[in-house]
Each structure stands twice: as C-alpha cells, then as structure tokens.
Amino acid sequence: MTTTLRVAGAQLDLLVGDVDGNRDEIVAAMAEAEDRGADVLVLPELAITGYPPEDLVLKAGFVDANVRALEAIAAASGSMTTVVGYVDRLPEDQFDDDSVPRRLVNAAASVRGGEVVSVYHKTLLPNYGVFDEARYFAEGRTGIHVDSIAGVPCGISICEDIWDPDGPPAKQAVAGARVLLNINGSPYHLGKSEERLAMLRQRALSTGCHIVYVNCVGGQDELVFDGGSIVLRPDGELVHRSRLFEEDLFVVALDLDGDTQTGSVAPALDLTAEAYAAVTTGLRDYVRKNGFEEVVIGLSGGIDSALTAAIAVDALGPDAVRGVTMPTRYSSQGSVDDSIDLGERLGIRVDCIPIDELFAGYLEALQPLFVDTKPNVAEENIQARIRGTILMAISNKFGSMVVATGNKSEMAVGYATLYGDMAGGYAVLKDVYKTMVYDMARWRNRDTPVIPMSIIDKEPSAELREDQRDSDSLPPYPILDEILRLYIEGDRTAPEIVAEGHDADLVSAIAKMVDRNEYKRRQAAPGVRISGKAFGRDRRLPITNGFRP
C-alpha cells in the first residue's frame, strides 16, 4: 500500500510586530490548506511575530501577545496539523540563570484538533552576519523531535538547524523520520536560492528523507526575504519550488513509497533579475508597511536616479511616484531633458525647480567667510544640500517619503553628500554597486526602454562644477567595484588585494576613502541588502579606528 502525505506550505509576507494581523493571515492559510486536503501545513519561522522581531522580544507583553495568538491559532485548528513559528519561554525547570543567558526560545508549535500537540525549540542559533539570535534566545533543549502526522513520522526543525550536516534533521532521520519539515526566515542575498537548493539536496541524499523547506517572503527594513520554498525527494529531485519574492500557498502529495510528483517548479532567475526583484520588494514593503502612500525622488538625469525611479514605479505604481529635477548653472540641458523624458516614459509627475538663485544666495551669504579661498567641495555640496532640503520640504508638505538614490560604490568611498543627496527615508540602491546599476538598468529596458539610452550611455557626473566627471576622482567603476568587493565583502587587507594584481597606490587610496567615510554611512538611510555583506547591520566597523590596512 502506498503511503502519501499531503504537505502544504505557505510562504507569507508577514509584518513584524503585527501579532493579530499575522494570526489572522495564518488562520486564513490554515483554512485554505485544509480545504485543499492537506495533512500538514508548514509556515515560516517566527510567523506569529514576523521575522526578525529583534528587541521586541525583550518586551514581556509582546511575548505574551504572541503566546495568546498561538492559542487562538490552535483553537482554530481542525484535523490538519499546522507547524507554526513563534517565541516560547523555557519551562521553569529548564531555566537556570547560570547556564542559559535567555529564557526565550525560537520555537515551532504543531497544532491540531484545537490544541497545541507538540513544541520544538530551535537548537542551532546563527550569530553572524545579519543574525543576532544569541542575543535573544537560548538553545533549544527539546532534543530529537519526530511527530507522527497522518501516520508518517516527520522531523520538525527551524532554519539553521538544517544547514549543519550533523544538525537536528540528521538525527531525526536516524530516529525514523521519513519527512523533514524545516521552517525558515532566510534573508536573501545574491545567489542565495542556488546555495539553498544545493545544501538541501545534500541533506535529502544524506538522510534519505523528503525535505520540505518553507521560507517567508517580503521586505523588513534592510532585509528582504525571497521565499523560494522547496520540496525535494530523497534522491534530491526537485518536486516543488515556489516563485521568488511572491506569496504562495502550495500543496504537494509526497508519495513515500514511489516516485509520484505533484508539485510545480518555478524557474530560477538570473542574478540581475533576482537583484531587481529584491530591491523592488524591499522598497514596496518598506513604503507599504510603514504607512506611506507616495515617494519623491530627485532626478539628476543620471543613471542612479533613473533606475531608482523605475524601481519605485514597479514597486508602487506611477501614481505613487513623483520626481523633481533641480538644475543649477552646472546642470546640462541634456540632464534636465533626460529627467523629463524618463518621467514621461514611466508615467510619473516630474516638477522642475531651478535652484541656481538659491545657490547664489548661499554663496553671497558665505562670501565674507569664503573670501580669498578657492572653490572646492564646500560649494559643490551646497547644491546637493539645497536639493535635499527641497525634497524634504515636499516630504513634509505632502507626506511623500524621500527615496535616496546613491549606490554602494558611492557610499563606500564617500562620493555622496551628507545631508544632501543622502537625505531620505530609504536608499533603494544602497547595496548595489555602480556596475550592477548599469546591469539592472539594461535588464529593466529589455522589453520596454523606460530608461532613456542617453542616460545609460552618458559618462557619470555629479554636475556640481564645470565639466565634472566621476573619473576625475575615481577609477573606472569595474576596477573600483572589484576592489570594493574584496575590501568590504571579502574583508581583505590592502596588501592582500594588491597581491591579487591590483595597483598598490590605488588600493591604498580606496581603502582610506572607505575607512574615513564610515561616519557618513552611520547616518545614511536604511536600504535593501542584496550582498553577503551590506553597509549596516552585518558590517559593523568602529568609526574611531586606528587600524590602517
């Protein structure tokens, strides 16, 4: 007789802290999965609280609310088992201040028939990169956890537990589990979906079990979650993969004694398409979840602001995006024309506010102080700060959130003006190198050329002085970006980068630029993380720093 387990997975876009709203979404998913005949529904890690809840879990009232939500979810359960993530507390007999730094645990509850039937506590706690779980949680002590679901022994684990080849899922397989259910809050970075698939294939082959991996989806501050939930057969064959960056509720019938397949496999995306989807998702959810209805973007006629505008339109729709071009004496007519052309192609409102008179007024006011000095970056940055002031005035007047347009290359070397073009509520390209900005712009233009080719083809310039070019102070972006990747994401020292074939003087100059601009980045708006190490939560270097690479 063939044994079949009908497994449902729901990759949901949940809101951190909205315990009641998340509870309602979970209950709705439970009803749909049960209607579709599922034996078990698997939900993401910490689904009730949203992931990551960070210091919210230090509030006892928040943890209490999440426990009450679990009780309501259990009360709504029927014959189908639901595996749902939440924050639990260790029982008093397991909590010892001398051995357990926190009483809280990252947990997965199995609910069925109106009650909680079992609880698993996450054993392996990631504490690297963007993860701070040791700050909040104790290691789980529930041991090998195998539940019988519709007569099938199933191992239940949480995220990091399955990344270790000798982690809890391996032990569950030895204990007799035939299906491994793993719930996740796995943040995206470039190439993560393929890394994940390769790892899960190894686990399927080594354990001889079916693998059901369910991830959350959507943006949360700097983090974006790609979903990409996966079901694998014991031989590593892909039975189901959910689409990246989209909510999904799927049902797969696992034939435990044969090779029947019932799932659908969404196509993989290339890296540029992944990155574009990630930043679009991050901006959309940051705006939507924080209650904004509109964004405003300063349009310079350059590639960064053009790509930012295109992303904003794709994320929010043209009616929710407005652009402003603010020319001075150094702005070319081509840049103004390109900004207006861009707006027409995207279908957004574009206002032109010339600022040369304002600039002249600043220069006149500062003349007694600047007399007998040569013009330098001070005069250049006045223009950027006037533009920032105008954008913030529009934000204050109309409730529009300013989207900053700077990219990772500029943020790295300080080629951005503090309190000027760095002003904004969110920086959508903050973790996108300049070379990838061009890749993404060309990718976005693949079907409909919304970004004028004159913008893509022009030589980059801030247009803050006569005949200015980025190349006046920076090396070609392909060279700059390669050095930055090694220095920032690879944590290489300057001598190590030179040993890979880069010019010693250039590497030294770039490293110094990166280091001395750490103070600027600390004051920058949050932005979507798409790399293995973004500026912000997973790259934490001291501002006051005597180490010289």
Protein backbone atom coordinates (compact mmCIF):
# COMPACT_ATOMS: atom_id res chain seq x y z
CA MET A 1 0.00 0.00 0.00
CA THR A 2 1.34 3.42 -0.99
CA THR A 3 1.81 5.97 1.78
CA THR A 4 1.06 9.55 0.77
CA LEU A 5 1.43 12.69 2.83
CA ARG A 6 -0.20 15.83 1.50
CA VAL A 7 2.03 18.69 2.58
CA ALA A 8 1.04 22.35 2.26
CA GLY A 9 3.46 25.24 2.60
CA ALA A 10 2.61 28.91 2.92
CA GLN A 11 5.35 31.45 2.19
CA LEU A 12 3.73 34.56 3.58
CA ASP A 13 4.66 38.25 3.67
CA LEU A 14 4.07 38.93 7.35
CA LEU A 15 4.55 42.16 9.31
CA VAL A 16 6.98 42.18 12.22
CA GLY A 17 5.13 43.06 15.42
CA ASP A 18 1.61 42.76 13.97
CA VAL A 19 0.75 39.72 16.04
CA ASP A 20 -3.02 39.97 15.49
CA GLY A 21 -2.72 40.60 11.76
CA ASN A 22 -0.25 37.73 11.36
CA ARG A 23 -2.55 35.46 13.37
CA ASP A 24 -5.42 36.23 11.00
CA GLU A 25 -3.28 35.52 7.91
CA ILE A 26 -2.15 32.24 9.41
CA VAL A 27 -5.70 31.15 10.24
CA ALA A 28 -6.79 32.03 6.70
CA ALA A 29 -3.92 29.94 5.28
CA MET A 30 -4.93 27.06 7.55
CA ALA A 31 -8.49 27.16 6.24
CA GLU A 32 -7.34 27.17 2.61
CA ALA A 33 -4.85 24.33 3.12
CA GLU A 34 -7.43 22.20 4.92
CA ASP A 35 -9.95 22.85 2.14
CA ARG A 36 -7.32 21.61 -0.33
CA GLY A 37 -6.96 18.37 1.58
CA ALA A 38 -3.58 18.92 3.20
CA ASP A 39 -2.46 16.68 6.05
CA VAL A 40 0.01 19.29 7.31
CA LEU A 41 0.60 22.99 6.71
CA VAL A 42 4.11 24.35 7.21
CA LEU A 43 4.51 28.07 7.96
CA PRO A 44 7.65 30.26 8.21
CA GLU A 45 9.94 30.73 11.19
CA LEU A 46 8.53 33.09 13.85
CA ALA A 47 5.46 33.56 11.66
CA ILE A 48 3.37 34.87 14.55
CA THR A 49 5.81 37.66 15.47
CA GLY A 50 7.21 38.25 12.00
CA TYR A 51 10.92 37.81 11.35
CA PRO A 52 13.17 39.15 12.76
CA PRO A 53 11.37 40.62 15.79
CA GLU A 54 14.66 41.86 17.29
CA ASP A 55 14.31 43.72 20.61
CA LEU A 56 10.52 43.42 20.57
CA VAL A 57 11.03 40.02 22.20
CA LEU A 58 12.58 41.76 25.21
CA LYS A 59 9.13 43.18 25.97
CA ALA A 60 7.24 40.67 28.10
CA GLY A 61 3.92 41.97 26.82
CA PHE A 62 4.95 41.26 23.24
CA VAL A 63 5.89 37.67 24.05
CA ASP A 64 2.59 37.27 25.95
CA ALA A 65 0.66 38.55 22.92
CA ASN A 66 2.41 36.07 20.65
CA VAL A 67 1.55 33.19 23.00
CA ARG A 68 -2.10 34.26 23.04
CA ALA A 69 -2.04 34.32 19.24
CA LEU A 70 -0.68 30.76 19.22
CA GLU A 71 -3.54 29.70 21.49
CA ALA A 72 -6.05 31.27 19.07
CA ILE A 73 -4.38 29.54 16.12
CA ALA A 74 -4.53 26.22 17.95
CA ALA A 75 -8.20 26.77 18.77
CA ALA A 76 -8.91 27.30 15.05
CA SER A 77 -7.16 24.08 14.01
CA GLY A 78 -9.01 21.04 12.71
CA SER A 79 -7.82 17.59 11.66
CA MET A 80 -4.90 19.02 9.69
CA THR A 81 -1.64 19.61 11.55
CA THR A 82 -0.15 23.11 11.30
CA VAL A 83 3.51 23.83 12.10
CA VAL A 84 3.89 27.49 13.05
CA GLY A 85 6.82 29.54 14.35
CA TYR A 86 6.57 31.67 17.50
CA VAL A 87 8.54 32.82 20.57
CA ASP A 88 8.28 30.45 23.51
CA ARG A 89 9.61 30.56 27.06
CA LEU A 90 11.64 27.77 28.59
CA PRO A 91 9.83 25.96 31.37
CA GLU A 92 10.94 26.99 34.85
CA ASP A 93 12.67 23.65 35.45
CA GLN A 94 14.85 24.19 32.35
CA PHE A 95 15.76 27.80 33.02
CA ASP A 96 18.88 28.48 35.04
CA ASP A 97 20.43 31.93 35.06
CA ASP A 98 23.90 30.39 35.37
CA SER A 99 23.64 28.25 32.25
CA VAL A 100 21.02 29.85 30.00
CA PRO A 101 21.52 33.50 29.02
CA ARG A 102 17.91 33.91 27.94
CA ARG A 103 14.69 32.20 28.88
CA LEU A 104 13.21 32.83 25.44
CA VAL A 105 13.44 30.26 22.66
CA ASN A 106 12.76 30.30 18.92
CA ALA A 107 10.02 27.70 18.63
CA ALA A 108 7.80 25.72 16.27
CA ALA A 109 4.44 24.54 17.56
CA SER A 110 2.39 21.76 15.99
CA VAL A 111 -1.33 22.40 16.42
CA ARG A 112 -4.19 20.05 15.61
CA GLY A 113 -7.71 19.35 16.85
CA GLY A 114 -7.98 22.62 18.74
CA GLU A 115 -4.79 22.34 20.76
CA VAL A 116 -1.01 22.50 20.72
CA VAL A 117 0.15 18.90 20.33
CA SER A 118 3.93 19.43 20.43
CA VAL A 119 6.62 22.12 20.55
CA TYR A 120 10.14 22.12 19.12
CA HIS A 121 12.83 24.62 20.19
CA LYS A 122 15.49 25.72 17.68
CA THR A 123 18.82 24.18 18.57
CA LEU A 124 21.39 25.90 16.36
CA LEU A 125 21.34 29.67 16.71
CA PRO A 126 23.01 31.74 13.96
CA ASN A 127 25.01 34.61 15.37
CA TYR A 128 26.85 36.02 12.35
CA GLY A 129 26.14 38.46 9.55
CA VAL A 130 22.62 39.82 9.99
CA PHE A 131 21.74 37.26 12.67
CA ASP A 132 21.77 38.06 16.40
CA GLU A 133 19.87 35.08 17.78
CA ALA A 134 22.22 34.50 20.71
CA ARG A 135 21.24 37.99 21.88
CA TYR A 136 17.64 36.87 22.32
CA PHE A 137 17.28 33.11 22.54
CA ALA A 138 18.54 30.12 24.46
CA GLU A 139 19.49 26.98 22.59
CA GLY A 140 16.65 24.51 22.39
CA ARG A 141 16.56 21.51 24.68
CA THR A 142 13.67 19.58 23.15
CA GLY A 143 16.07 17.03 21.67
CA ILE A 144 15.27 14.83 18.68
CA HIS A 145 11.80 15.86 17.62
CA VAL A 146 9.79 13.48 15.44
CA ASP A 147 5.99 13.87 15.21
CA SER A 148 3.54 11.42 13.69
CA ILE A 149 1.50 13.35 11.13
CA ALA A 150 -1.22 11.35 9.34
CA GLY A 151 0.71 8.25 10.36
CA VAL A 152 4.01 9.49 8.86
CA PRO A 153 7.00 10.22 11.15
CA CYS A 154 8.07 13.82 10.45
CA GLY A 155 11.06 15.67 11.85
CA ILE A 156 10.49 19.33 12.63
CA SER A 157 13.33 21.85 12.70
CA ILE A 158 13.99 25.56 12.26
CA CYS A 159 16.21 27.26 9.67
CA GLU A 160 19.85 26.99 10.82
CA ASP A 161 19.21 23.50 12.20
CA ILE A 162 19.26 22.06 8.68
CA TRP A 163 22.35 23.93 7.44
CA ASP A 164 24.60 21.82 9.67
CA PRO A 165 25.01 18.35 8.10
CA ASP A 166 25.03 16.86 11.61
CA GLY A 167 22.21 19.07 12.91
CA PRO A 168 18.84 18.03 14.32
CA PRO A 169 17.32 16.91 10.97
CA ALA A 170 20.10 14.33 10.53
CA LYS A 171 19.38 12.95 13.98
CA GLN A 172 15.65 12.93 13.26
CA ALA A 173 16.28 10.84 10.16
CA VAL A 174 18.27 8.32 12.20
CA ALA A 175 15.35 8.22 14.67
CA GLY A 176 12.98 7.18 11.88
CA ALA A 177 11.68 10.41 10.31
CA ARG A 178 10.66 9.98 6.66
CA VAL A 179 9.85 13.64 6.01
CA LEU A 180 11.86 16.60 7.34
CA LEU A 181 9.86 19.80 7.79
CA ASN A 182 12.05 22.90 8.09
CA ILE A 183 10.60 26.37 8.74
CA ASN A 184 12.61 29.46 7.82
CA GLY A 185 13.19 33.18 7.97
CA SER A 186 16.05 33.11 5.47
CA PRO A 187 17.15 36.56 4.21
CA TYR A 188 18.09 36.98 0.57
CA HIS A 189 21.46 37.75 -0.90
CA LEU A 190 22.71 37.30 -4.45
CA GLY A 191 22.83 33.62 -5.33
CA LYS A 192 21.18 32.51 -2.07
CA SER A 193 18.47 30.47 -3.82
CA GLU A 194 21.03 28.25 -5.57
CA GLU A 195 23.12 27.90 -2.39
CA ARG A 196 20.00 26.84 -0.54
CA LEU A 197 18.98 24.29 -3.16
CA ALA A 198 22.45 22.74 -3.23
CA MET A 199 22.52 22.42 0.56
CA LEU A 200 19.03 20.90 0.73
CA ARG A 201 19.89 18.37 -1.96
CA GLN A 202 22.83 17.26 0.17
CA ARG A 203 20.51 16.84 3.18
CA ALA A 204 17.99 14.83 1.16
CA LEU A 205 20.70 12.49 -0.14
CA SER A 206 22.44 12.09 3.23
CA THR A 207 19.25 11.48 5.24
CA GLY A 208 17.20 9.57 2.68
CA CYS A 209 14.21 11.76 3.58
CA HIS A 210 11.84 14.02 1.74
CA ILE A 211 12.69 17.66 2.54
CA VAL A 212 10.04 20.37 2.90
CA TYR A 213 11.63 23.81 3.27
CA VAL A 214 9.27 26.78 3.74
CA ASN A 215 10.58 30.34 3.79
CA CYS A 216 8.94 33.71 4.36
CA VAL A 217 8.77 36.40 1.70
CA GLY A 218 8.79 40.21 1.63
CA GLY A 219 10.81 43.15 2.92
CA GLN A 220 11.64 44.02 6.52
CA ASP A 221 13.75 47.17 6.91
CA GLU A 222 17.10 46.33 5.25
CA LEU A 223 16.31 42.64 4.85
CA VAL A 224 14.35 41.10 2.04
CA PHE A 225 13.12 37.50 2.03
CA ASP A 226 12.84 35.70 -1.27
CA GLY A 227 10.55 32.79 -0.40
CA GLY A 228 11.66 30.12 -2.85
CA SER A 229 10.14 27.34 -0.73
CA ILE A 230 11.36 23.90 -1.81
CA VAL A 231 10.22 20.26 -1.68
CA LEU A 232 12.78 17.56 -2.53
CA ARG A 233 12.59 13.79 -2.90
CA PRO A 234 15.13 11.62 -1.06
CA ASP A 235 17.15 11.33 -4.29
CA GLY A 236 17.46 15.13 -4.43
CA GLU A 237 14.97 15.59 -7.24
CA LEU A 238 13.14 18.92 -7.06
CA VAL A 239 9.41 18.31 -6.65
CA HIS A 240 8.32 21.86 -5.94
CA ARG A 241 9.81 25.35 -5.86
CA SER A 242 7.74 28.45 -5.18
CA ARG A 243 8.33 31.61 -7.16
CA LEU A 244 10.84 34.02 -5.69
CA PHE A 245 9.58 37.20 -3.98
CA GLU A 246 5.90 36.21 -4.22
CA GLU A 247 3.47 34.84 -1.65
CA ASP A 248 2.44 31.26 -2.31
CA LEU A 249 0.36 28.52 -0.75
CA PHE A 250 1.17 25.19 -2.35
CA VAL A 251 0.09 21.59 -1.73
CA VAL A 252 2.32 18.67 -2.69
CA ALA A 253 1.39 15.00 -2.38
CA LEU A 254 4.50 13.15 -1.23
CA ASP A 255 4.49 9.54 -2.40
CA LEU A 256 6.70 8.00 0.25
CA ASP A 257 6.88 4.60 -1.44
CA GLY A 258 7.08 5.62 -5.10
CA ASP A 259 8.08 8.46 -7.38
CA THR A 260 4.81 10.33 -7.97
CA GLN A 261 5.30 14.08 -8.35
CA THR A 262 2.53 16.64 -7.89
CA GLY A 263 4.34 19.93 -7.35
CA SER A 264 5.28 22.75 -9.69
CA VAL A 265 8.81 24.04 -10.12
CA ALA A 266 9.14 27.79 -10.66
CA PRO A 267 12.01 28.77 -12.96
CA ALA A 268 15.21 30.10 -11.47
CA LEU A 269 16.11 33.75 -12.05
CA ASP A 270 19.44 35.08 -13.23
CA LEU A 271 21.33 37.24 -10.75
CA THR A 272 20.32 40.56 -12.27
CA ALA A 273 16.64 39.61 -12.30
CA GLU A 274 16.96 38.40 -8.70
CA ALA A 275 18.59 41.64 -7.61
CA TYR A 276 15.97 43.77 -9.35
CA ALA A 277 13.14 41.77 -7.76
CA ALA A 278 14.81 42.06 -4.36
CA VAL A 279 15.18 45.85 -4.36
CA THR A 280 11.67 46.27 -5.75
CA THR A 281 10.26 44.05 -3.00
CA GLY A 282 12.28 45.83 -0.32
CA LEU A 283 11.10 49.29 -1.37
CA ARG A 284 7.48 48.21 -1.81
CA ASP A 285 7.22 46.66 1.64
CA TYR A 286 9.13 49.45 3.39
CA VAL A 287 6.74 52.03 1.95
CA ARG A 288 3.59 49.95 2.40
CA LYS A 289 4.32 48.58 5.87
CA ASN A 290 5.31 51.99 7.21
CA GLY A 291 2.13 53.66 6.00
CA PHE A 292 3.43 55.88 3.18
CA GLU A 293 1.30 56.40 0.11
CA GLU A 294 3.80 58.18 -2.14
CA VAL A 295 7.54 58.61 -2.68
CA VAL A 296 9.52 61.52 -4.10
CA ILE A 297 12.83 61.20 -5.93
CA GLY A 298 15.35 63.81 -7.01
CA LEU A 299 16.03 63.24 -10.71
CA SER A 300 19.50 64.34 -11.81
CA GLY A 301 19.43 62.94 -15.32
CA GLY A 302 21.91 60.29 -14.17
CA ILE A 303 21.67 56.51 -14.10
CA ASP A 304 21.16 56.10 -10.33
CA SER A 305 18.11 58.34 -10.00
CA ALA A 306 16.69 56.93 -13.25
CA LEU A 307 16.96 53.33 -12.03
CA THR A 308 15.57 54.32 -8.62
CA ALA A 309 12.54 55.87 -10.29
CA ALA A 310 11.96 52.78 -12.43
CA ILE A 311 12.16 50.54 -9.36
CA ALA A 312 9.76 52.80 -7.48
CA VAL A 313 7.21 52.66 -10.31
CA ASP A 314 7.46 48.87 -10.48
CA ALA A 315 7.08 48.64 -6.71
CA LEU A 316 4.32 51.19 -6.14
CA GLY A 317 2.80 52.22 -9.48
CA PRO A 318 3.32 55.52 -11.33
CA ASP A 319 0.65 57.42 -9.38
CA ALA A 320 2.63 56.90 -6.15
CA VAL A 321 5.91 58.27 -7.52
CA ARG A 322 6.86 61.88 -8.16
CA GLY A 323 10.16 63.18 -9.46
CA VAL A 324 11.83 66.55 -9.04
CA THR A 325 14.64 67.92 -11.18
CA MET A 326 16.58 70.81 -9.64
CA PRO A 327 19.09 72.29 -12.09
CA THR A 328 21.84 74.78 -11.31
CA ARG A 329 24.35 76.56 -13.56
CA TYR A 330 26.34 73.33 -13.80
CA SER A 331 23.43 71.14 -14.91
CA SER A 332 23.42 70.34 -18.60
CA GLN A 333 20.22 70.86 -20.56
CA GLY A 334 20.55 67.24 -21.58
CA SER A 335 20.24 66.12 -17.97
CA VAL A 336 17.04 68.13 -17.48
CA ASP A 337 15.62 66.86 -20.76
CA ASP A 338 16.54 63.27 -19.86
CA SER A 339 14.75 63.58 -16.50
CA ILE A 340 11.59 64.85 -18.17
CA ASP A 341 11.82 62.11 -20.82
CA LEU A 342 12.25 59.50 -18.09
CA GLY A 343 9.17 60.79 -16.27
CA GLU A 344 7.08 60.62 -19.43
CA ARG A 345 8.19 57.05 -20.14
CA LEU A 346 7.42 55.98 -16.58
CA GLY A 347 4.15 57.93 -16.41
CA ILE A 348 5.13 59.87 -13.28
CA ARG A 349 4.82 63.52 -12.36
CA VAL A 350 8.06 65.48 -12.73
CA ASP A 351 8.44 69.01 -11.36
CA CYS A 352 11.33 71.27 -12.37
CA ILE A 353 12.54 73.57 -9.58
CA PRO A 354 15.63 75.59 -10.65
CA ILE A 355 17.85 76.23 -7.64
CA ASP A 356 20.57 78.49 -9.06
CA GLU A 357 19.19 81.58 -7.35
CA LEU A 358 19.14 79.74 -4.04
CA PHE A 359 22.70 78.59 -4.68
CA ALA A 360 23.75 82.15 -5.46
CA GLY A 361 22.12 83.33 -2.24
CA TYR A 362 24.13 80.79 -0.21
CA LEU A 363 27.34 81.90 -1.91
CA GLU A 364 26.56 85.53 -1.20
CA ALA A 365 25.80 84.80 2.45
CA LEU A 366 29.03 82.82 2.84
CA GLN A 367 31.20 85.25 0.87
CA PRO A 368 32.56 87.04 3.97
CA LEU A 369 33.75 83.66 5.29
CA PHE A 370 34.89 82.18 1.98
CA VAL A 371 36.68 85.30 0.71
CA ASP A 372 40.19 84.66 -0.63
CA THR A 373 39.58 80.87 -0.79
CA LYS A 374 39.40 78.70 -3.87
CA PRO A 375 36.10 76.96 -4.70
CA ASN A 376 36.13 73.33 -3.60
CA VAL A 377 33.81 70.62 -2.32
CA ALA A 378 32.10 73.11 0.01
CA GLU A 379 30.48 74.96 -2.90
CA GLU A 380 29.65 71.67 -4.62
CA ASN A 381 27.91 70.25 -1.58
CA ILE A 382 25.80 73.37 -1.05
CA GLN A 383 23.92 72.42 -4.23
CA ALA A 384 23.32 68.86 -3.02
CA ARG A 385 22.08 70.13 0.35
CA ILE A 386 19.69 72.61 -1.27
CA ARG A 387 18.24 69.72 -3.24
CA GLY A 388 17.92 67.64 -0.10
CA THR A 389 16.12 70.49 1.63
CA ILE A 390 13.62 70.85 -1.22
CA LEU A 391 12.91 67.12 -1.28
CA MET A 392 12.36 67.09 2.47
CA ALA A 393 10.05 70.11 2.19
CA ILE A 394 7.94 68.21 -0.34
CA SER A 395 8.00 65.21 2.00
CA ASN A 396 6.80 67.32 4.92
CA LYS A 397 4.12 69.09 2.92
CA PHE A 398 2.62 66.09 1.11
CA GLY A 399 3.66 63.12 3.23
CA SER A 400 5.84 61.68 0.47
CA MET A 401 8.81 59.59 1.58
CA VAL A 402 12.09 60.68 0.00
CA VAL A 403 13.94 57.81 -1.67
CA ALA A 404 17.71 58.38 -1.71
CA THR A 405 19.43 57.40 -4.94
CA GLY A 406 23.06 56.73 -4.00
CA ASN A 407 24.65 53.36 -4.85
CA LYS A 408 27.06 51.17 -2.87
CA SER A 409 30.16 52.31 -4.76
CA GLU A 410 29.44 55.95 -3.89
CA MET A 411 28.51 55.15 -0.30
CA ALA A 412 31.73 53.16 0.08
CA VAL A 413 34.12 55.93 -0.95
CA GLY A 414 32.11 58.88 0.41
CA TYR A 415 31.09 60.14 -3.03
CA ALA A 416 27.78 61.24 -1.56
CA THR A 417 26.81 64.37 0.32
CA LEU A 418 25.80 64.07 3.94
CA TYR A 419 22.52 65.97 4.50
CA GLY A 420 22.29 66.37 0.71
CA ASP A 421 21.73 63.51 -1.72
CA MET A 422 21.99 61.12 1.24
CA ALA A 423 18.76 62.60 2.64
CA GLY A 424 15.83 60.23 2.54
CA GLY A 425 13.78 57.62 4.32
CA TYR A 426 15.09 54.69 2.29
CA ALA A 427 18.05 54.11 -0.03
CA VAL A 428 16.99 51.53 -2.58
CA LEU A 429 20.43 51.18 -4.25
CA LYS A 430 22.46 51.30 -1.05
CA ASP A 431 23.81 47.76 -1.57
CA VAL A 432 24.04 47.89 -5.38
CA TYR A 433 27.46 48.57 -6.89
CA LYS A 434 27.63 51.01 -9.78
CA THR A 435 28.43 48.28 -12.28
CA MET A 436 25.29 46.41 -11.24
CA VAL A 437 23.28 49.64 -11.50
CA TYR A 438 24.04 49.58 -15.22
CA ASP A 439 23.25 45.86 -15.44
CA MET A 440 19.90 46.39 -13.75
CA ALA A 441 19.04 49.38 -15.94
CA ARG A 442 19.72 47.40 -19.10
CA TRP A 443 17.76 44.44 -17.70
CA ARG A 444 14.80 46.71 -16.93
CA ASN A 445 14.95 48.02 -20.50
CA ARG A 446 14.98 44.53 -22.05
CA ASP A 447 11.37 44.74 -23.24
CA THR A 448 10.29 48.36 -22.76
CA PRO A 449 13.02 51.06 -22.82
CA VAL A 450 11.74 53.12 -19.88
CA ILE A 451 15.22 54.47 -19.09
CA PRO A 452 16.46 56.64 -22.00
CA MET A 453 19.62 55.27 -23.59
CA SER A 454 21.10 58.77 -23.36
CA ILE A 455 21.11 58.28 -19.56
CA ILE A 456 22.71 54.84 -19.75
CA ASP A 457 25.33 55.92 -22.28
CA LYS A 458 26.43 59.23 -20.72
CA GLU A 459 29.61 59.45 -18.68
CA PRO A 460 28.76 59.58 -14.95
CA SER A 461 28.92 63.05 -13.40
CA ALA A 462 27.57 64.73 -10.28
CA GLU A 463 27.39 68.03 -12.24
CA LEU A 464 28.38 70.11 -9.24
CA ARG A 465 31.15 72.02 -11.02
CA GLU A 466 32.10 72.87 -14.58
CA ASP A 467 32.85 69.84 -16.77
CA GLN A 468 32.89 67.48 -13.78
CA ARG A 469 33.23 63.70 -14.26
CA ASP A 470 33.24 60.86 -11.73
CA SER A 471 36.51 59.75 -13.34
CA ASP A 472 38.13 62.95 -12.06
CA SER A 473 38.38 61.43 -8.59
CA LEU A 474 37.52 57.75 -9.01
CA PRO A 475 38.97 54.91 -11.10
CA PRO A 476 36.75 53.22 -13.70
CA TYR A 477 33.84 51.60 -11.90
CA PRO A 478 34.65 47.99 -12.89
CA ILE A 479 38.06 48.37 -11.22
CA LEU A 480 36.67 50.30 -8.24
CA ASP A 481 33.88 47.79 -7.63
CA GLU A 482 36.20 44.78 -7.74
CA ILE A 483 38.48 46.36 -5.13
CA LEU A 484 35.49 47.33 -3.00
CA ARG A 485 34.10 43.78 -3.11
CA LEU A 486 37.39 42.39 -1.89
CA TYR A 487 37.78 45.05 0.82
CA ILE A 488 34.18 45.18 2.07
CA GLU A 489 32.67 41.76 1.46
CA GLY A 490 35.90 39.78 1.40
CA ASP A 491 37.39 41.56 4.45
CA ARG A 492 40.77 41.60 2.68
CA THR A 493 43.52 43.97 3.73
CA ALA A 494 45.13 46.28 1.20
CA PRO A 495 48.27 44.11 0.83
CA GLU A 496 46.10 41.06 0.18
CA ILE A 497 44.20 42.91 -2.54
CA VAL A 498 47.44 44.13 -4.10
CA ALA A 499 48.66 40.51 -4.12
CA GLU A 500 45.71 39.70 -6.38
CA GLY A 501 47.08 42.04 -9.02
CA HIS A 502 45.68 45.49 -8.20
CA ASP A 503 47.74 48.67 -8.14
CA ALA A 504 49.14 49.33 -4.67
CA ASP A 505 48.63 53.12 -4.65
CA LEU A 506 45.08 52.77 -5.94
CA VAL A 507 44.14 50.11 -3.39
CA SER A 508 45.61 52.18 -0.55
CA ALA A 509 43.69 55.27 -1.66
CA ILE A 510 40.40 53.39 -1.96
CA ALA A 511 40.83 51.67 1.42
CA LYS A 512 41.43 55.05 3.07
CA MET A 513 38.34 56.51 1.39
CA VAL A 514 36.20 53.63 2.64
CA ASP A 515 37.51 53.88 6.20
CA ARG A 516 37.27 57.64 6.61
CA ASN A 517 33.65 57.69 5.42
CA GLU A 518 32.31 55.22 7.96
CA TYR A 519 30.81 58.15 9.90
CA LYS A 520 28.74 59.11 6.86
CA ARG A 521 27.35 55.63 6.40
CA ARG A 522 26.24 55.51 10.02
CA GLN A 523 23.94 58.43 9.23
CA ALA A 524 22.60 57.05 5.98
CA ALA A 525 19.05 55.85 5.37
CA PRO A 526 18.41 52.11 5.55
CA GLY A 527 18.36 50.27 2.24
CA VAL A 528 17.82 46.84 0.72
CA ARG A 529 20.51 44.28 1.47
CA ILE A 530 21.34 42.11 -1.55
CA SER A 531 25.00 41.23 -0.97
CA GLY A 532 26.70 38.94 1.51
CA LYS A 533 27.83 41.98 3.48
CA ALA A 534 25.93 45.24 3.25
CA PHE A 535 26.65 48.51 4.99
CA GLY A 536 24.59 48.44 8.17
CA ARG A 537 23.59 45.53 10.31
CA ASP A 538 26.13 42.97 9.04
CA ARG A 539 29.18 45.23 8.63
CA ARG A 540 29.94 46.86 11.95
CA LEU A 541 33.24 48.66 11.98
CA PRO A 542 34.23 51.33 14.51
CA ILE A 543 34.16 54.91 13.30
CA THR A 544 37.10 55.78 15.53
CA ASN A 545 39.58 53.28 14.20
CA GLY A 546 43.38 53.29 14.29
CA PHE A 547 43.90 50.21 12.12
CA ARG A 548 45.40 51.05 8.74
CA PRO A 549 45.27 48.23 6.20
